[in-house]
């Protein structure tokens, strides 16, 4: 399928047809990674969600906190 590249501000934009977006799981607001290969191809893949430390700690409560477990030395470790 061919699509046309259009100007979008100071950049260029490419519309992903609905059937292709559905096949790869893209929805409005999906984040993607884009890279150019040496052979002239552009590769677009779904981004893996990257959480910030604040997001990871947002659900942390004293009730959810797990006790730290520290194993005793097993050999000749220097402590």
N, C-alpha and C. Protein backbone atom coordinates (compact mmCIF):
# COMPACT_ATOMS: atom_id res chain seq x y z
N UNK A 1 0.85 -1.17 0.00
CA UNK A 1 0.00 0.00 0.00
C UNK A 1 0.90 1.24 0.00
N UNK A 2 0.57 2.20 -0.82
CA UNK A 2 1.33 3.44 -0.86
C UNK A 2 0.55 4.54 -0.16
N UNK A 3 1.27 5.37 0.58
CA UNK A 3 0.68 6.55 1.23
C UNK A 3 1.56 7.74 0.90
N UNK A 4 1.03 8.93 1.11
CA UNK A 4 1.77 10.13 0.77
C UNK A 4 2.25 10.82 2.04
N UNK A 5 3.48 11.28 2.00
CA UNK A 5 4.05 12.03 3.12
C UNK A 5 3.62 13.49 2.97
N UNK A 6 3.22 14.11 4.08
CA UNK A 6 2.76 15.49 4.06
C UNK A 6 3.50 16.32 5.11
N UNK A 7 3.52 17.63 4.91
CA UNK A 7 4.14 18.52 5.88
C UNK A 7 3.27 18.60 7.12
N UNK A 8 3.93 18.57 8.28
CA UNK A 8 3.24 18.69 9.56
C UNK A 8 4.10 19.62 10.41
N UNK A 9 3.80 20.92 10.38
CA UNK A 9 4.65 21.91 11.04
C UNK A 9 5.99 21.95 10.33
N UNK A 10 7.08 21.82 11.09
CA UNK A 10 8.42 21.79 10.51
C UNK A 10 8.88 20.37 10.18
N UNK A 11 7.99 19.40 10.39
CA UNK A 11 8.33 17.99 10.16
C UNK A 11 7.51 17.45 9.00
N UNK A 12 7.69 16.17 8.74
CA UNK A 12 6.89 15.47 7.75
C UNK A 12 6.06 14.43 8.47
N UNK A 13 4.83 14.23 8.02
CA UNK A 13 3.95 13.27 8.66
C UNK A 13 3.52 12.18 7.69
N UNK A 14 3.21 11.04 8.24
CA UNK A 14 2.78 9.89 7.46
C UNK A 14 1.54 9.31 8.13
N UNK A 15 0.45 9.17 7.40
CA UNK A 15 -0.77 8.58 7.96
C UNK A 15 -0.70 7.07 7.82
N UNK A 16 -1.04 6.38 8.90
CA UNK A 16 -1.06 4.93 8.88
C UNK A 16 -2.50 4.50 8.61
N UNK A 17 -2.75 3.79 7.52
CA UNK A 17 -4.12 3.36 7.21
C UNK A 17 -4.71 2.52 8.35
N UNK A 18 -6.01 2.64 8.55
CA UNK A 18 -6.70 2.01 9.66
C UNK A 18 -6.47 0.51 9.73
N UNK A 19 -6.56 -0.20 8.59
CA UNK A 19 -6.40 -1.65 8.63
C UNK A 19 -4.99 -2.07 9.04
N UNK A 20 -3.99 -1.32 8.62
CA UNK A 20 -2.61 -1.61 9.03
C UNK A 20 -2.43 -1.30 10.50
N UNK A 21 -2.96 -0.17 10.96
CA UNK A 21 -2.87 0.19 12.38
C UNK A 21 -3.52 -0.87 13.24
N UNK A 22 -4.66 -1.37 12.82
CA UNK A 22 -5.37 -2.40 13.59
C UNK A 22 -4.56 -3.69 13.64
N UNK A 23 -3.93 -4.04 12.53
CA UNK A 23 -3.14 -5.29 12.49
C UNK A 23 -1.96 -5.27 13.44
N UNK A 24 -1.37 -4.09 13.66
CA UNK A 24 -0.20 -4.01 14.54
C UNK A 24 -0.54 -3.48 15.93
N UNK A 25 -1.82 -3.15 16.15
CA UNK A 25 -2.25 -2.72 17.48
C UNK A 25 -2.05 -1.25 17.78
N UNK A 26 -1.92 -0.42 16.74
CA UNK A 26 -1.81 1.02 16.97
C UNK A 26 -3.19 1.61 17.20
N UNK A 27 -3.29 2.50 18.16
CA UNK A 27 -4.50 3.28 18.38
C UNK A 27 -4.09 4.73 18.50
N UNK A 28 -5.05 5.63 18.49
CA UNK A 28 -4.73 7.05 18.63
C UNK A 28 -3.97 7.26 19.94
N UNK A 29 -2.86 7.95 19.86
CA UNK A 29 -2.05 8.20 21.04
C UNK A 29 -0.98 7.15 21.30
N UNK A 30 -0.95 6.08 20.48
CA UNK A 30 0.09 5.06 20.64
C UNK A 30 1.46 5.69 20.49
N UNK A 31 2.41 5.22 21.27
CA UNK A 31 3.79 5.69 21.15
C UNK A 31 4.56 4.68 20.34
N UNK A 32 5.41 5.17 19.45
CA UNK A 32 6.20 4.30 18.59
C UNK A 32 7.66 4.72 18.62
N UNK A 33 8.52 3.79 18.26
CA UNK A 33 9.93 4.06 18.04
C UNK A 33 10.15 4.04 16.54
N UNK A 34 10.94 4.97 16.04
CA UNK A 34 11.20 5.04 14.60
C UNK A 34 12.71 5.11 14.40
N UNK A 35 13.18 4.34 13.42
CA UNK A 35 14.61 4.36 13.12
C UNK A 35 14.82 4.18 11.62
N UNK A 36 15.91 4.70 11.13
CA UNK A 36 16.25 4.58 9.71
C UNK A 36 17.37 3.56 9.59
N UNK A 37 17.24 2.67 8.61
CA UNK A 37 18.30 1.69 8.38
C UNK A 37 19.19 2.17 7.24
N UNK A 38 20.34 1.56 7.11
CA UNK A 38 21.30 1.96 6.09
C UNK A 38 20.81 1.70 4.67
N UNK A 39 19.84 0.80 4.52
CA UNK A 39 19.35 0.48 3.17
C UNK A 39 18.16 1.34 2.75
N UNK A 40 17.89 2.43 3.49
CA UNK A 40 16.84 3.37 3.12
C UNK A 40 15.47 3.05 3.69
N UNK A 41 15.37 2.02 4.51
CA UNK A 41 14.08 1.67 5.12
C UNK A 41 13.86 2.46 6.39
N UNK A 42 12.61 2.73 6.68
CA UNK A 42 12.20 3.32 7.95
C UNK A 42 11.46 2.23 8.71
N UNK A 43 11.89 1.97 9.93
CA UNK A 43 11.28 0.92 10.74
C UNK A 43 10.54 1.58 11.90
N UNK A 44 9.24 1.28 12.00
CA UNK A 44 8.40 1.83 13.06
C UNK A 44 7.89 0.67 13.90
N UNK A 45 8.15 0.71 15.21
CA UNK A 45 7.70 -0.34 16.10
C UNK A 45 7.00 0.27 17.31
N UNK A 46 6.09 -0.49 17.91
CA UNK A 46 5.43 -0.02 19.12
C UNK A 46 6.46 0.15 20.22
N UNK A 47 6.36 1.25 20.95
CA UNK A 47 7.26 1.49 22.07
C UNK A 47 6.83 0.64 23.26
N UNK A 48 7.80 0.16 23.97
CA UNK A 48 7.50 -0.49 25.24
C UNK A 48 7.29 0.62 26.26
N UNK A 49 6.34 0.44 27.11
CA UNK A 49 6.03 1.46 28.11
C UNK A 49 7.22 1.66 29.03
N UNK A 50 7.64 2.89 29.20
CA UNK A 50 8.74 3.23 30.10
C UNK A 50 8.16 4.01 31.26
N UNK A 51 8.25 3.45 32.43
CA UNK A 51 7.70 4.08 33.62
C UNK A 51 8.74 4.98 34.26
N UNK A 52 8.28 6.10 34.80
CA UNK A 52 9.17 6.97 35.58
C UNK A 52 9.21 6.43 37.01
N UNK A 53 10.20 6.85 37.77
CA UNK A 53 10.29 6.43 39.16
C UNK A 53 9.04 6.86 39.92
N UNK A 54 8.55 8.06 39.63
CA UNK A 54 7.35 8.55 40.31
C UNK A 54 6.15 7.64 40.02
N UNK A 55 6.02 7.19 38.76
CA UNK A 55 4.92 6.29 38.41
C UNK A 55 5.05 4.95 39.14
N UNK A 56 6.26 4.46 39.21
CA UNK A 56 6.48 3.18 39.88
C UNK A 56 6.19 3.26 41.37
N UNK A 57 6.52 4.39 41.97
CA UNK A 57 6.32 4.54 43.42
C UNK A 57 4.93 5.04 43.79
N UNK A 58 4.14 5.47 42.80
CA UNK A 58 2.82 6.05 43.09
C UNK A 58 1.91 5.08 43.83
N UNK A 59 1.97 3.81 43.50
CA UNK A 59 1.10 2.84 44.16
C UNK A 59 1.71 2.21 45.40
N UNK A 60 2.88 2.67 45.80
CA UNK A 60 3.55 2.09 46.96
C UNK A 60 2.95 2.63 48.24
N UNK A 61 2.48 1.75 49.07
CA UNK A 61 1.94 2.13 50.38
C UNK A 61 2.61 1.23 51.42
N UNK A 62 2.58 1.61 52.68
CA UNK A 62 3.16 0.74 53.71
C UNK A 62 2.54 -0.66 53.70
N UNK A 63 1.27 -0.74 53.34
CA UNK A 63 0.60 -2.04 53.30
C UNK A 63 1.15 -2.94 52.19
N UNK A 64 1.57 -2.33 51.09
CA UNK A 64 2.10 -3.09 49.97
C UNK A 64 3.60 -3.36 50.08
N UNK A 65 4.25 -2.72 50.99
CA UNK A 65 5.70 -2.86 51.12
C UNK A 65 6.06 -4.26 51.59
N UNK A 66 7.03 -4.84 50.95
CA UNK A 66 7.49 -6.17 51.30
C UNK A 66 8.76 -6.05 52.15
N UNK A 67 8.89 -6.92 53.16
CA UNK A 67 10.12 -6.86 53.96
C UNK A 67 11.33 -7.28 53.13
N UNK A 68 12.45 -6.64 53.40
CA UNK A 68 13.68 -7.00 52.72
C UNK A 68 14.21 -8.29 53.31
N UNK A 69 14.67 -9.17 52.45
CA UNK A 69 15.25 -10.42 52.91
C UNK A 69 16.72 -10.43 52.52
N UNK A 70 17.57 -10.69 53.50
CA UNK A 70 19.00 -10.72 53.25
C UNK A 70 19.50 -12.09 53.68
N UNK A 71 20.07 -12.81 52.75
CA UNK A 71 20.59 -14.13 53.07
C UNK A 71 21.85 -14.02 53.91
N UNK A 72 22.04 -15.00 54.74
CA UNK A 72 23.27 -15.07 55.53
C UNK A 72 24.42 -15.47 54.60
N UNK A 73 25.65 -15.16 54.97
CA UNK A 73 26.78 -15.56 54.13
C UNK A 73 26.78 -17.07 53.91
N UNK A 74 27.18 -17.48 52.70
CA UNK A 74 27.19 -18.90 52.34
C UNK A 74 28.60 -19.47 52.29
N UNK A 75 29.57 -18.61 52.22
CA UNK A 75 30.94 -19.07 52.08
C UNK A 75 31.87 -18.17 52.84
N UNK A 76 32.86 -17.65 52.17
CA UNK A 76 33.84 -16.80 52.82
C UNK A 76 33.71 -15.36 52.37
N UNK A 77 32.46 -14.88 52.24
CA UNK A 77 32.24 -13.50 51.84
C UNK A 77 32.78 -12.56 52.89
N UNK A 78 33.25 -11.41 52.45
CA UNK A 78 33.70 -10.38 53.37
C UNK A 78 32.55 -9.41 53.54
N UNK A 79 32.12 -9.21 54.75
CA UNK A 79 30.99 -8.33 55.02
C UNK A 79 31.45 -7.06 55.70
